[in-house]
Amino acid sequence: MQTAINIAMIIVSVVLIIMILLQAKGSGFTGTFGGDAGSINRTRRGVEKTLFQATIVTAVVYVVLAMISTF
């Protein structure tokens, strides 16, 4: 059982990394430190909103798996 949880954690973590990198595609180095002021008031729509929500769900799944693996 522990092996299955560890494999699931690896898969979820890789998916989470890919999802985060897909979201950060448009932000440059200056946007990281607040240089891109135009994107502050932007609203997520369509695929970007779905990707954002899926990233949150994937992060929650990862945390739950991490908690289960400690028992």
PDB file of N, CA and C in Angstrom:
ATOM      1  N   MET A   1       0.826  -1.195   0.000  1.00  0.00           N
ATOM      2  CA  MET A   1       0.000   0.000   0.000  1.00  0.00           C
ATOM      3  C   MET A   1       0.874   1.263   0.000  1.00  0.00           C
ATOM      4  N   GLN A   2       1.943   1.225   0.791  1.00  0.00           N
ATOM      5  CA  GLN A   2       2.831   2.381   0.879  1.00  0.00           C
ATOM      6  C   GLN A   2       3.493   2.669  -0.462  1.00  0.00           C
ATOM      7  N   THR A   3       3.830   1.636  -1.201  1.00  0.00           N
ATOM      8  CA  THR A   3       4.444   1.816  -2.519  1.00  0.00           C
ATOM      9  C   THR A   3       3.479   2.498  -3.479  1.00  0.00           C
ATOM     10  N   ALA A   4       2.216   2.109  -3.428  1.00  0.00           N
ATOM     11  CA  ALA A   4       1.210   2.723  -4.301  1.00  0.00           C
ATOM     12  C   ALA A   4       1.024   4.200  -3.977  1.00  0.00           C
ATOM     13  N   ILE A   5       1.044   4.539  -2.708  1.00  0.00           N
ATOM     14  CA  ILE A   5       0.901   5.943  -2.302  1.00  0.00           C
ATOM     15  C   ILE A   5       2.117   6.745  -2.760  1.00  0.00           C
ATOM     16  N   ASN A   6       3.304   6.164  -2.628  1.00  0.00           N
ATOM     17  CA  ASN A   6       4.519   6.861  -3.077  1.00  0.00           C
ATOM     18  C   ASN A   6       4.518   7.092  -4.586  1.00  0.00           C
ATOM     19  N   ILE A   7       4.079   6.101  -5.343  1.00  0.00           N
ATOM     20  CA  ILE A   7       3.999   6.262  -6.800  1.00  0.00           C
ATOM     21  C   ILE A   7       2.968   7.323  -7.162  1.00  0.00           C
ATOM     22  N   ALA A   8       1.827   7.313  -6.459  1.00  0.00           N
ATOM     23  CA  ALA A   8       0.794   8.327  -6.705  1.00  0.00           C
ATOM     24  C   ALA A   8       1.315   9.724  -6.381  1.00  0.00           C
ATOM     25  N   MET A   9       2.096   9.850  -5.307  1.00  0.00           N
ATOM     26  CA  MET A   9       2.664  11.152  -4.951  1.00  0.00           C
ATOM     27  C   MET A   9       3.636  11.643  -6.022  1.00  0.00           C
ATOM     28  N   ILE A  10       4.425  10.745  -6.575  1.00  0.00           N
ATOM     29  CA  ILE A  10       5.362  11.135  -7.635  1.00  0.00           C
ATOM     30  C   ILE A  10       4.605  11.614  -8.861  1.00  0.00           C
ATOM     31  N   ILE A  11       3.569  10.882  -9.241  1.00  0.00           N
ATOM     32  CA  ILE A  11       2.780  11.264 -10.419  1.00  0.00           C
ATOM     33  C   ILE A  11       2.083  12.596 -10.197  1.00  0.00           C
ATOM     34  N   VAL A  12       1.461  12.771  -9.021  1.00  0.00           N
ATOM     35  CA  VAL A  12       0.759  14.024  -8.733  1.00  0.00           C
ATOM     36  C   VAL A  12       1.741  15.185  -8.673  1.00  0.00           C
ATOM     37  N   SER A  13       2.927  14.971  -8.134  1.00  0.00           N
ATOM     38  CA  SER A  13       3.896  16.063  -8.047  1.00  0.00           C
ATOM     39  C   SER A  13       4.390  16.479  -9.428  1.00  0.00           C
ATOM     40  N   VAL A  14       4.598  15.521 -10.331  1.00  0.00           N
ATOM     41  CA  VAL A  14       5.012  15.866 -11.691  1.00  0.00           C
ATOM     42  C   VAL A  14       3.906  16.639 -12.406  1.00  0.00           C
ATOM     43  N   VAL A  15       2.662  16.193 -12.234  1.00  0.00           N
ATOM     44  CA  VAL A  15       1.527  16.900 -12.844  1.00  0.00           C
ATOM     45  C   VAL A  15       1.415  18.312 -12.275  1.00  0.00           C
ATOM     46  N   LEU A  16       1.612  18.457 -10.975  1.00  0.00           N
ATOM     47  CA  LEU A  16       1.536  19.772 -10.340  1.00  0.00           C
ATOM     48  C   LEU A  16       2.634  20.703 -10.855  1.00  0.00           C
ATOM     49  N   ILE A  17       3.829  20.197 -11.022  1.00  0.00           N
ATOM     50  CA  ILE A  17       4.933  21.005 -11.563  1.00  0.00           C
ATOM     51  C   ILE A  17       4.607  21.469 -12.976  1.00  0.00           C
ATOM     52  N   ILE A  18       4.086  20.568 -13.802  1.00  0.00           N
ATOM     53  CA  ILE A  18       3.736  20.933 -15.178  1.00  0.00           C
ATOM     54  C   ILE A  18       2.640  21.985 -15.194  1.00  0.00           C
ATOM     55  N   MET A  19       1.645  21.834 -14.337  1.00  0.00           N
ATOM     56  CA  MET A  19       0.547  22.812 -14.298  1.00  0.00           C
ATOM     57  C   MET A  19       1.035  24.188 -13.858  1.00  0.00           C
ATOM     58  N   ILE A  20       1.923  24.220 -12.899  1.00  0.00           N
ATOM     59  CA  ILE A  20       2.459  25.503 -12.441  1.00  0.00           C
ATOM     60  C   ILE A  20       3.299  26.160 -13.529  1.00  0.00           C
ATOM     61  N   LEU A  21       4.089  25.370 -14.223  1.00  0.00           N
ATOM     62  CA  LEU A  21       4.897  25.922 -15.314  1.00  0.00           C
ATOM     63  C   LEU A  21       4.029  26.433 -16.459  1.00  0.00           C
ATOM     64  N   LEU A  22       2.921  25.790 -16.727  1.00  0.00           N
ATOM     65  CA  LEU A  22       2.011  26.270 -17.768  1.00  0.00           C
ATOM     66  C   LEU A  22       1.398  27.615 -17.393  1.00  0.00           C
ATOM     67  N   GLN A  23       1.141  27.824 -16.108  1.00  0.00           N
ATOM     68  CA  GLN A  23       0.579  29.102 -15.667  1.00  0.00           C
ATOM     69  C   GLN A  23       1.614  30.211 -15.730  1.00  0.00           C
ATOM     70  N   ALA A  24       2.859  29.906 -15.474  1.00  0.00           N
ATOM     71  CA  ALA A  24       3.909  30.912 -15.435  1.00  0.00           C
ATOM     72  C   ALA A  24       4.478  31.213 -16.811  1.00  0.00           C
ATOM     73  N   LYS A  25       3.880  30.656 -17.858  1.00  0.00           N
ATOM     74  CA  LYS A  25       4.399  30.811 -19.218  1.00  0.00           C
ATOM     75  C   LYS A  25       4.461  32.269 -19.648  1.00  0.00           C
ATOM     76  N   GLY A  26       3.449  33.061 -19.336  1.00  0.00           N
ATOM     77  CA  GLY A  26       3.391  34.430 -19.814  1.00  0.00           C
ATOM     78  C   GLY A  26       4.123  35.435 -18.948  1.00  0.00           C
ATOM     79  N   SER A  27       4.465  35.075 -17.732  1.00  0.00           N
ATOM     80  CA  SER A  27       5.102  36.039 -16.844  1.00  0.00           C
ATOM     81  C   SER A  27       6.609  35.989 -17.021  1.00  0.00           C
ATOM     82  N   GLY A  28       7.198  37.130 -17.214  1.00  0.00           N
ATOM     83  CA  GLY A  28       8.637  37.203 -17.390  1.00  0.00           C
ATOM     84  C   GLY A  28       9.347  37.408 -16.072  1.00  0.00           C
ATOM     85  N   PHE A  29      10.638  37.622 -16.150  1.00  0.00           N
ATOM     86  CA  PHE A  29      11.447  37.815 -14.955  1.00  0.00           C
ATOM     87  C   PHE A  29      11.071  39.101 -14.218  1.00  0.00           C
ATOM     88  N   THR A  30      10.714  40.153 -14.977  1.00  0.00           N
ATOM     89  CA  THR A  30      10.337  41.403 -14.323  1.00  0.00           C
ATOM     90  C   THR A  30       8.981  41.295 -13.648  1.00  0.00           C
ATOM     91  N   GLY A  31       8.101  40.435 -14.154  1.00  0.00           N
ATOM     92  CA  GLY A  31       6.795  40.259 -13.540  1.00  0.00           C
ATOM     93  C   GLY A  31       6.882  39.589 -12.181  1.00  0.00           C
ATOM     94  N   THR A  32       7.934  38.852 -11.951  1.00  0.00           N
ATOM     95  CA  THR A  32       8.120  38.183 -10.676  1.00  0.00           C
ATOM     96  C   THR A  32       8.343  39.191  -9.555  1.00  0.00           C
ATOM     97  N   PHE A  33       9.035  40.273  -9.852  1.00  0.00           N
ATOM     98  CA  PHE A  33       9.358  41.257  -8.827  1.00  0.00           C
ATOM     99  C   PHE A  33       8.474  42.495  -8.895  1.00  0.00           C
ATOM    100  N   GLY A  34       7.342  42.427  -9.560  1.00  0.00           N
ATOM    101  CA  GLY A  34       6.408  43.530  -9.580  1.00  0.00           C
ATOM    102  C   GLY A  34       6.640  44.528 -10.691  1.00  0.00           C
ATOM    103  N   GLY A  35       7.483  44.232 -11.651  1.00  0.00           N
ATOM    104  CA  GLY A  35       7.747  45.161 -12.735  1.00  0.00           C
ATOM    105  C   GLY A  35       6.635  45.235 -13.754  1.00  0.00           C
ATOM    106  N   ASP A  36       5.800  44.204 -13.820  1.00  0.00           N
ATOM    107  CA  ASP A  36       4.708  44.150 -14.785  1.00  0.00           C
ATOM    108  C   ASP A  36       3.419  44.538 -14.071  1.00  0.00           C
ATOM    109  N   ALA A  37       3.137  45.822 -13.973  1.00  0.00           N
ATOM    110  CA  ALA A  37       1.975  46.296 -13.229  1.00  0.00           C
ATOM    111  C   ALA A  37       0.676  46.083 -13.990  1.00  0.00           C
ATOM    112  N   GLY A  38       0.718  45.838 -15.281  1.00  0.00           N
ATOM    113  CA  GLY A  38      -0.495  45.677 -16.068  1.00  0.00           C
ATOM    114  C   GLY A  38      -1.240  44.386 -15.794  1.00  0.00           C
ATOM    115  N   SER A  39      -0.580  43.396 -15.230  1.00  0.00           N
ATOM    116  CA  SER A  39      -1.235  42.106 -15.012  1.00  0.00           C
ATOM    117  C   SER A  39      -1.830  41.973 -13.611  1.00  0.00           C
ATOM    118  N   ILE A  40      -1.786  43.014 -12.819  1.00  0.00           N
ATOM    119  CA  ILE A  40      -2.286  42.917 -11.447  1.00  0.00           C
ATOM    120  C   ILE A  40      -3.806  42.780 -11.422  1.00  0.00           C
ATOM    121  N   ASN A  41      -4.499  43.554 -12.211  1.00  0.00           N
ATOM    122  CA  ASN A  41      -5.957  43.570 -12.186  1.00  0.00           C
ATOM    123  C   ASN A  41      -6.573  42.701 -13.265  1.00  0.00           C
ATOM    124  N   ARG A  42      -5.847  41.735 -13.758  1.00  0.00           N
ATOM    125  CA  ARG A  42      -6.353  40.879 -14.824  1.00  0.00           C
ATOM    126  C   ARG A  42      -7.212  39.751 -14.260  1.00  0.00           C
ATOM    127  N   THR A  43      -8.284  39.425 -14.948  1.00  0.00           N
ATOM    128  CA  THR A  43      -9.177  38.361 -14.520  1.00  0.00           C
ATOM    129  C   THR A  43      -8.895  37.098 -15.325  1.00  0.00           C
ATOM    130  N   ARG A  44      -8.891  35.964 -14.646  1.00  0.00           N
ATOM    131  CA  ARG A  44      -8.693  34.693 -15.347  1.00  0.00           C
ATOM    132  C   ARG A  44      -9.999  34.289 -16.014  1.00  0.00           C
ATOM    133  N   ARG A  45      -9.893  33.829 -17.266  1.00  0.00           N
ATOM    134  CA  ARG A  45     -11.070  33.392 -17.997  1.00  0.00           C
ATOM    135  C   ARG A  45     -10.743  32.165 -18.812  1.00  0.00           C
ATOM    136  N   GLY A  46     -11.757  31.362 -19.083  1.00  0.00           N
ATOM    137  CA  GLY A  46     -11.618  30.219 -19.974  1.00  0.00           C
ATOM    138  C   GLY A  46     -10.641  29.175 -19.482  1.00  0.00           C
ATOM    139  N   VAL A  47      -9.723  28.810 -20.357  1.00  0.00           N
ATOM    140  CA  VAL A  47      -8.762  27.745 -20.063  1.00  0.00           C
ATOM    141  C   VAL A  47      -7.845  28.147 -18.912  1.00  0.00           C
ATOM    142  N   GLU A  48      -7.484  29.417 -18.830  1.00  0.00           N
ATOM    143  CA  GLU A  48      -6.606  29.883 -17.757  1.00  0.00           C
ATOM    144  C   GLU A  48      -7.268  29.689 -16.393  1.00  0.00           C
ATOM    145  N   LYS A  49      -8.565  29.963 -16.302  1.00  0.00           N
ATOM    146  CA  LYS A  49      -9.289  29.782 -15.046  1.00  0.00           C
ATOM    147  C   LYS A  49      -9.398  28.300 -14.690  1.00  0.00           C
ATOM    148  N   THR A  50      -9.673  27.468 -15.691  1.00  0.00           N
ATOM    149  CA  THR A  50      -9.770  26.028 -15.467  1.00  0.00           C
ATOM    150  C   THR A  50      -8.429  25.456 -15.014  1.00  0.00           C
ATOM    151  N   LEU A  51      -7.350  25.895 -15.631  1.00  0.00           N
ATOM    152  CA  LEU A  51      -6.016  25.445 -15.245  1.00  0.00           C
ATOM    153  C   LEU A  51      -5.682  25.869 -13.822  1.00  0.00           C
ATOM    154  N   PHE A  52      -6.065  27.087 -13.456  1.00  0.00           N
ATOM    155  CA  PHE A  52      -5.827  27.594 -12.103  1.00  0.00           C
ATOM    156  C   PHE A  52      -6.575  26.757 -11.072  1.00  0.00           C
ATOM    157  N   GLN A  53      -7.846  26.466 -11.339  1.00  0.00           N
ATOM    158  CA  GLN A  53      -8.635  25.667 -10.409  1.00  0.00           C
ATOM    159  C   GLN A  53      -8.136  24.225 -10.337  1.00  0.00           C
ATOM    160  N   ALA A  54      -7.714  23.671 -11.468  1.00  0.00           N
ATOM    161  CA  ALA A  54      -7.176  22.311 -11.481  1.00  0.00           C
ATOM    162  C   ALA A  54      -5.862  22.241 -10.704  1.00  0.00           C
ATOM    163  N   THR A  55      -5.082  23.310 -10.745  1.00  0.00           N
ATOM    164  CA  THR A  55      -3.831  23.358  -9.982  1.00  0.00           C
ATOM    165  C   THR A  55      -4.111  23.327  -8.488  1.00  0.00           C
ATOM    166  N   ILE A  56      -5.135  24.041  -8.064  1.00  0.00           N
ATOM    167  CA  ILE A  56      -5.509  24.041  -6.645  1.00  0.00           C
ATOM    168  C   ILE A  56      -5.964  22.653  -6.220  1.00  0.00           C
ATOM    169  N   VAL A  57      -6.784  22.014  -7.037  1.00  0.00           N
ATOM    170  CA  VAL A  57      -7.266  20.666  -6.717  1.00  0.00           C
ATOM    171  C   VAL A  57      -6.098  19.686  -6.660  1.00  0.00           C
ATOM    172  N   THR A  58      -5.170  19.788  -7.599  1.00  0.00           N
ATOM    173  CA  THR A  58      -4.013  18.902  -7.617  1.00  0.00           C
ATOM    174  C   THR A  58      -3.139  19.117  -6.385  1.00  0.00           C
ATOM    175  N   ALA A  59      -2.986  20.360  -5.962  1.00  0.00           N
ATOM    176  CA  ALA A  59      -2.203  20.646  -4.757  1.00  0.00           C
ATOM    177  C   ALA A  59      -2.870  20.058  -3.520  1.00  0.00           C
ATOM    178  N   VAL A  60      -4.187  20.139  -3.447  1.00  0.00           N
ATOM    179  CA  VAL A  60      -4.914  19.561  -2.309  1.00  0.00           C
ATOM    180  C   VAL A  60      -4.760  18.044  -2.307  1.00  0.00           C
ATOM    181  N   VAL A  61      -4.849  17.420  -3.480  1.00  0.00           N
ATOM    182  CA  VAL A  61      -4.660  15.967  -3.581  1.00  0.00           C
ATOM    183  C   VAL A  61      -3.256  15.587  -3.115  1.00  0.00           C
ATOM    184  N   TYR A  62      -2.262  16.390  -3.490  1.00  0.00           N
ATOM    185  CA  TYR A  62      -0.887  16.110  -3.070  1.00  0.00           C
ATOM    186  C   TYR A  62      -0.747  16.200  -1.550  1.00  0.00           C
ATOM    187  N   VAL A  63      -1.352  17.201  -0.950  1.00  0.00           N
ATOM    188  CA  VAL A  63      -1.271  17.352   0.514  1.00  0.00           C
ATOM    189  C   VAL A  63      -1.971  16.192   1.210  1.00  0.00           C
ATOM    190  N   VAL A  64      -3.119  15.784   0.687  1.00  0.00           N
ATOM    191  CA  VAL A  64      -3.839  14.660   1.286  1.00  0.00           C
ATOM    192  C   VAL A  64      -3.001  13.384   1.170  1.00  0.00           C
ATOM    193  N   LEU A  65      -2.393  13.156   0.020  1.00  0.00           N
ATOM    194  CA  LEU A  65      -1.531  11.985  -0.133  1.00  0.00           C
ATOM    195  C   LEU A  65      -0.335  12.036   0.821  1.00  0.00           C
ATOM    196  N   ALA A  66       0.210  13.229   1.013  1.00  0.00           N
ATOM    197  CA  ALA A  66       1.337  13.366   1.947  1.00  0.00           C
ATOM    198  C   ALA A  66       0.907  13.053   3.374  1.00  0.00           C
ATOM    199  N   MET A  67      -0.294  13.476   3.736  1.00  0.00           N
ATOM    200  CA  MET A  67      -0.795  13.184   5.078  1.00  0.00           C
ATOM    201  C   MET A  67      -1.076  11.691   5.247  1.00  0.00           C
ATOM    202  N   ILE A  68      -1.605  11.064   4.206  1.00  0.00           N
ATOM    203  CA  ILE A  68      -1.889   9.632   4.272  1.00  0.00           C
ATOM    204  C   ILE A  68      -0.588   8.830   4.374  1.00  0.00           C
ATOM    205  N   SER A  69       0.450   9.292   3.684  1.00  0.00           N
ATOM    206  CA  SER A  69       1.708   8.535   3.690  1.00  0.00           C
ATOM    207  C   SER A  69       2.420   8.587   5.041  1.00  0.00           C
ATOM    208  N   THR A  70       2.057   9.524   5.886  1.00  0.00           N
ATOM    209  CA  THR A  70       2.702   9.596   7.202  1.00  0.00           C
ATOM    210  C   THR A  70       2.121   8.580   8.187  1.00  0.00           C
ATOM    211  N   PHE A  71       0.956   8.060   7.914  1.00  0.00           N
ATOM    212  CA  PHE A  71       0.331   7.100   8.832  1.00  0.00           C
ATOM    213  C   PHE A  71       0.826   5.709   8.626  1.00  0.00           C
TER     214      PHE A  71
END
